[in-house]
Amino acid sequence: MMGLQSIVAQTTTPATRLPQYDARDLIKDGDQAHIILDDQTYVLRITRAGKLILTK
């Protein structure tokens, strides 16, 4: 019989690792970058408080 800890460990362990990107690398030397998805352009912005905002 499987214990609760075994079940929790199996359900919270990701099967594959998601890619990670540093927002500052995407934005380079400024505070904004354009991100394109299909035919839509979005603006990724880092605020003065260090938060990320993504707008269309």
PDB file of N, CA and C in Angstrom:
ATOM      1  N   MET A   1       0.845  -1.190   0.000  1.00  0.00           N
ATOM      2  CA  MET A   1       0.000   0.000   0.000  1.00  0.00           C
ATOM      3  C   MET A   1       0.887   1.248   0.000  1.00  0.00           C
ATOM      4  N   MET A   2       0.497   2.246  -0.742  1.00  0.00           N
ATOM      5  CA  MET A   2       1.281   3.461  -0.889  1.00  0.00           C
ATOM      6  C   MET A   2       0.864   4.484   0.165  1.00  0.00           C
ATOM      7  N   GLY A   3       1.853   5.110   0.843  1.00  0.00           N
ATOM      8  CA  GLY A   3       1.561   6.134   1.841  1.00  0.00           C
ATOM      9  C   GLY A   3       1.248   7.465   1.203  1.00  0.00           C
ATOM     10  N   LEU A   4       0.662   8.379   1.976  1.00  0.00           N
ATOM     11  CA  LEU A   4       0.287   9.700   1.472  1.00  0.00           C
ATOM     12  C   LEU A   4       1.495  10.473   0.969  1.00  0.00           C
ATOM     13  N   GLN A   5       2.628  10.362   1.672  1.00  0.00           N
ATOM     14  CA  GLN A   5       3.824  11.085   1.232  1.00  0.00           C
ATOM     15  C   GLN A   5       4.265  10.630  -0.149  1.00  0.00           C
ATOM     16  N   SER A   6       4.151   9.345  -0.446  1.00  0.00           N
ATOM     17  CA  SER A   6       4.524   8.841  -1.768  1.00  0.00           C
ATOM     18  C   SER A   6       3.610   9.411  -2.836  1.00  0.00           C
ATOM     19  N   ILE A   7       2.327   9.486  -2.560  1.00  0.00           N
ATOM     20  CA  ILE A   7       1.364  10.028  -3.526  1.00  0.00           C
ATOM     21  C   ILE A   7       1.635  11.497  -3.776  1.00  0.00           C
ATOM     22  N   VAL A   8       1.878  12.287  -2.724  1.00  0.00           N
ATOM     23  CA  VAL A   8       2.156  13.714  -2.863  1.00  0.00           C
ATOM     24  C   VAL A   8       3.442  13.918  -3.651  1.00  0.00           C
ATOM     25  N   ALA A   9       4.476  13.139  -3.352  1.00  0.00           N
ATOM     26  CA  ALA A   9       5.743  13.285  -4.058  1.00  0.00           C
ATOM     27  C   ALA A   9       5.572  12.994  -5.549  1.00  0.00           C
ATOM     28  N   GLN A  10       4.764  12.005  -5.905  1.00  0.00           N
ATOM     29  CA  GLN A  10       4.563  11.673  -7.302  1.00  0.00           C
ATOM     30  C   GLN A  10       3.779  12.742  -8.042  1.00  0.00           C
ATOM     31  N   THR A  11       2.817  13.355  -7.400  1.00  0.00           N
ATOM     32  CA  THR A  11       1.983  14.340  -8.087  1.00  0.00           C
ATOM     33  C   THR A  11       2.638  15.704  -8.163  1.00  0.00           C
ATOM     34  N   THR A  12       3.616  16.015  -7.311  1.00  0.00           N
ATOM     35  CA  THR A  12       4.240  17.333  -7.339  1.00  0.00           C
ATOM     36  C   THR A  12       5.574  17.346  -8.070  1.00  0.00           C
ATOM     37  N   THR A  13       6.081  16.201  -8.495  1.00  0.00           N
ATOM     38  CA  THR A  13       7.332  16.146  -9.223  1.00  0.00           C
ATOM     39  C   THR A  13       7.042  16.302 -10.713  1.00  0.00           C
ATOM     40  N   PRO A  14       7.563  17.364 -11.335  1.00  0.00           N
ATOM     41  CA  PRO A  14       7.264  17.565 -12.759  1.00  0.00           C
ATOM     42  C   PRO A  14       7.938  16.497 -13.621  1.00  0.00           C
ATOM     43  N   ALA A  15       7.254  16.070 -14.662  1.00  0.00           N
ATOM     44  CA  ALA A  15       7.805  15.061 -15.559  1.00  0.00           C
ATOM     45  C   ALA A  15       8.938  15.653 -16.395  1.00  0.00           C
ATOM     46  N   THR A  16       8.768  16.905 -16.821  1.00  0.00           N
ATOM     47  CA  THR A  16       9.810  17.591 -17.585  1.00  0.00           C
ATOM     48  C   THR A  16      10.024  18.973 -16.990  1.00  0.00           C
ATOM     49  N   ARG A  17      11.214  19.454 -17.112  1.00  0.00           N
ATOM     50  CA  ARG A  17      11.536  20.776 -16.576  1.00  0.00           C
ATOM     51  C   ARG A  17      11.165  21.851 -17.598  1.00  0.00           C
ATOM     52  N   LEU A  18      10.498  22.893 -17.141  1.00  0.00           N
ATOM     53  CA  LEU A  18      10.112  23.994 -18.026  1.00  0.00           C
ATOM     54  C   LEU A  18      11.315  24.874 -18.323  1.00  0.00           C
ATOM     55  N   PRO A  19      11.387  25.459 -19.518  1.00  0.00           N
ATOM     56  CA  PRO A  19      12.486  26.377 -19.814  1.00  0.00           C
ATOM     57  C   PRO A  19      12.384  27.628 -18.942  1.00  0.00           C
ATOM     58  N   GLN A  20      13.531  28.182 -18.584  1.00  0.00           N
ATOM     59  CA  GLN A  20      13.573  29.408 -17.782  1.00  0.00           C
ATOM     60  C   GLN A  20      14.310  30.485 -18.550  1.00  0.00           C
ATOM     61  N   TYR A  21      13.798  31.711 -18.437  1.00  0.00           N
ATOM     62  CA  TYR A  21      14.426  32.854 -19.086  1.00  0.00           C
ATOM     63  C   TYR A  21      14.516  33.974 -18.072  1.00  0.00           C
ATOM     64  N   ASP A  22      15.659  34.623 -18.000  1.00  0.00           N
ATOM     65  CA  ASP A  22      15.815  35.782 -17.124  1.00  0.00           C
ATOM     66  C   ASP A  22      15.237  36.990 -17.872  1.00  0.00           C
ATOM     67  N   ALA A  23      14.275  37.658 -17.271  1.00  0.00           N
ATOM     68  CA  ALA A  23      13.611  38.798 -17.915  1.00  0.00           C
ATOM     69  C   ALA A  23      14.615  39.878 -18.286  1.00  0.00           C
ATOM     70  N   ARG A  24      15.623  40.077 -17.473  1.00  0.00           N
ATOM     71  CA  ARG A  24      16.619  41.120 -17.780  1.00  0.00           C
ATOM     72  C   ARG A  24      17.430  40.758 -19.024  1.00  0.00           C
ATOM     73  N   ASP A  25      17.624  39.449 -19.280  1.00  0.00           N
ATOM     74  CA  ASP A  25      18.299  39.042 -20.514  1.00  0.00           C
ATOM     75  C   ASP A  25      17.424  39.322 -21.730  1.00  0.00           C
ATOM     76  N   LEU A  26      16.115  39.140 -21.590  1.00  0.00           N
ATOM     77  CA  LEU A  26      15.198  39.425 -22.690  1.00  0.00           C
ATOM     78  C   LEU A  26      15.138  40.911 -22.997  1.00  0.00           C
ATOM     79  N   ILE A  27      15.196  41.729 -21.964  1.00  0.00           N
ATOM     80  CA  ILE A  27      15.033  43.172 -22.118  1.00  0.00           C
ATOM     81  C   ILE A  27      16.355  43.869 -22.436  1.00  0.00           C
ATOM     82  N   LYS A  28      17.442  43.238 -22.126  1.00  0.00           N
ATOM     83  CA  LYS A  28      18.799  43.769 -22.341  1.00  0.00           C
ATOM     84  C   LYS A  28      19.046  45.006 -21.470  1.00  0.00           C
ATOM     85  N   ASP A  29      19.380  46.149 -22.087  1.00  0.00           N
ATOM     86  CA  ASP A  29      19.792  47.330 -21.324  1.00  0.00           C
ATOM     87  C   ASP A  29      18.659  48.290 -20.984  1.00  0.00           C
ATOM     88  N   GLY A  30      17.451  48.023 -21.453  1.00  0.00           N
ATOM     89  CA  GLY A  30      16.347  48.940 -21.202  1.00  0.00           C
ATOM     90  C   GLY A  30      15.407  48.415 -20.139  1.00  0.00           C
ATOM     91  N   ASP A  31      14.135  48.804 -20.259  1.00  0.00           N
ATOM     92  CA  ASP A  31      13.136  48.309 -19.319  1.00  0.00           C
ATOM     93  C   ASP A  31      11.934  47.716 -20.047  1.00  0.00           C
ATOM     94  N   GLN A  32      12.041  47.591 -21.397  1.00  0.00           N
ATOM     95  CA  GLN A  32      10.945  47.031 -22.179  1.00  0.00           C
ATOM     96  C   GLN A  32      11.486  46.164 -23.308  1.00  0.00           C
ATOM     97  N   ALA A  33      10.656  45.169 -23.705  1.00  0.00           N
ATOM     98  CA  ALA A  33      10.980  44.333 -24.864  1.00  0.00           C
ATOM     99  C   ALA A  33       9.683  43.942 -25.543  1.00  0.00           C
ATOM    100  N   HIS A  34       9.745  43.748 -26.856  1.00  0.00           N
ATOM    101  CA  HIS A  34       8.586  43.254 -27.601  1.00  0.00           C
ATOM    102  C   HIS A  34       8.671  41.733 -27.653  1.00  0.00           C
ATOM    103  N   ILE A  35       7.542  41.085 -27.428  1.00  0.00           N
ATOM    104  CA  ILE A  35       7.434  39.636 -27.534  1.00  0.00           C
ATOM    105  C   ILE A  35       6.350  39.362 -28.571  1.00  0.00           C
ATOM    106  N   ILE A  36       6.683  38.555 -29.568  1.00  0.00           N
ATOM    107  CA  ILE A  36       5.748  38.278 -30.654  1.00  0.00           C
ATOM    108  C   ILE A  36       5.246  36.842 -30.536  1.00  0.00           C
ATOM    109  N   LEU A  37       3.932  36.702 -30.610  1.00  0.00           N
ATOM    110  CA  LEU A  37       3.280  35.395 -30.637  1.00  0.00           C
ATOM    111  C   LEU A  37       2.314  35.400 -31.811  1.00  0.00           C
ATOM    112  N   ASP A  38       2.619  34.562 -32.799  1.00  0.00           N
ATOM    113  CA  ASP A  38       1.858  34.535 -34.049  1.00  0.00           C
ATOM    114  C   ASP A  38       1.861  35.935 -34.655  1.00  0.00           C
ATOM    115  N   ASP A  39       0.710  36.572 -34.800  1.00  0.00           N
ATOM    116  CA  ASP A  39       0.681  37.910 -35.396  1.00  0.00           C
ATOM    117  C   ASP A  39       0.439  39.006 -34.359  1.00  0.00           C
ATOM    118  N   GLN A  40       0.561  38.674 -33.098  1.00  0.00           N
ATOM    119  CA  GLN A  40       0.342  39.641 -32.014  1.00  0.00           C
ATOM    120  C   GLN A  40       1.682  40.058 -31.394  1.00  0.00           C
ATOM    121  N   THR A  41       1.821  41.339 -31.104  1.00  0.00           N
ATOM    122  CA  THR A  41       3.017  41.853 -30.440  1.00  0.00           C
ATOM    123  C   THR A  41       2.640  42.307 -29.035  1.00  0.00           C
ATOM    124  N   TYR A  42       3.398  41.848 -28.059  1.00  0.00           N
ATOM    125  CA  TYR A  42       3.188  42.200 -26.664  1.00  0.00           C
ATOM    126  C   TYR A  42       4.394  42.982 -26.170  1.00  0.00           C
ATOM    127  N   VAL A  43       4.190  43.770 -25.124  1.00  0.00           N
ATOM    128  CA  VAL A  43       5.283  44.521 -24.505  1.00  0.00           C
ATOM    129  C   VAL A  43       5.510  43.958 -23.112  1.00  0.00           C
ATOM    130  N   LEU A  44       6.739  43.523 -22.861  1.00  0.00           N
ATOM    131  CA  LEU A  44       7.152  43.070 -21.537  1.00  0.00           C
ATOM    132  C   LEU A  44       7.902  44.225 -20.895  1.00  0.00           C
ATOM    133  N   ARG A  45       7.474  44.612 -19.712  1.00  0.00           N
ATOM    134  CA  ARG A  45       8.081  45.766 -19.042  1.00  0.00           C
ATOM    135  C   ARG A  45       8.441  45.409 -17.609  1.00  0.00           C
ATOM    136  N   ILE A  46       9.601  45.868 -17.159  1.00  0.00           N
ATOM    137  CA  ILE A  46       9.995  45.750 -15.761  1.00  0.00           C
ATOM    138  C   ILE A  46       9.720  47.097 -15.105  1.00  0.00           C
ATOM    139  N   THR A  47       8.921  47.099 -14.051  1.00  0.00           N
ATOM    140  CA  THR A  47       8.583  48.345 -13.358  1.00  0.00           C
ATOM    141  C   THR A  47       9.723  48.760 -12.437  1.00  0.00           C
ATOM    142  N   ARG A  48       9.630  49.972 -11.913  1.00  0.00           N
ATOM    143  CA  ARG A  48      10.629  50.451 -10.943  1.00  0.00           C
ATOM    144  C   ARG A  48      10.648  49.594  -9.690  1.00  0.00           C
ATOM    145  N   ALA A  49       9.506  48.986  -9.374  1.00  0.00           N
ATOM    146  CA  ALA A  49       9.408  48.128  -8.189  1.00  0.00           C
ATOM    147  C   ALA A  49       9.908  46.706  -8.466  1.00  0.00           C
ATOM    148  N   GLY A  50      10.360  46.446  -9.705  1.00  0.00           N
ATOM    149  CA  GLY A  50      10.892  45.136 -10.033  1.00  0.00           C
ATOM    150  C   GLY A  50       9.841  44.104 -10.398  1.00  0.00           C
ATOM    151  N   LYS A  51       8.659  44.552 -10.779  1.00  0.00           N
ATOM    152  CA  LYS A  51       7.575  43.657 -11.192  1.00  0.00           C
ATOM    153  C   LYS A  51       7.555  43.570 -12.709  1.00  0.00           C
ATOM    154  N   LEU A  52       6.992  42.480 -13.227  1.00  0.00           N
ATOM    155  CA  LEU A  52       6.848  42.326 -14.666  1.00  0.00           C
ATOM    156  C   LEU A  52       5.423  42.607 -15.084  1.00  0.00           C
ATOM    157  N   ILE A  53       5.283  43.320 -16.197  1.00  0.00           N
ATOM    158  CA  ILE A  53       3.964  43.595 -16.769  1.00  0.00           C
ATOM    159  C   ILE A  53       4.033  43.204 -18.245  1.00  0.00           C
ATOM    160  N   LEU A  54       3.060  42.393 -18.684  1.00  0.00           N
ATOM    161  CA  LEU A  54       2.960  42.015 -20.085  1.00  0.00           C
ATOM    162  C   LEU A  54       1.650  42.564 -20.624  1.00  0.00           C
ATOM    163  N   THR A  55       1.743  43.427 -21.645  1.00  0.00           N
ATOM    164  CA  THR A  55       0.542  44.037 -22.224  1.00  0.00           C
ATOM    165  C   THR A  55       0.532  43.820 -23.727  1.00  0.00           C
ATOM    166  N   LYS A  56      -0.659  43.942 -24.303  1.00  0.00           N
ATOM    167  CA  LYS A  56      -0.844  43.795 -25.738  1.00  0.00           C
ATOM    168  C   LYS A  56      -0.656  45.121 -26.431  1.00  0.00           C
TER     169      LYS A  56
END
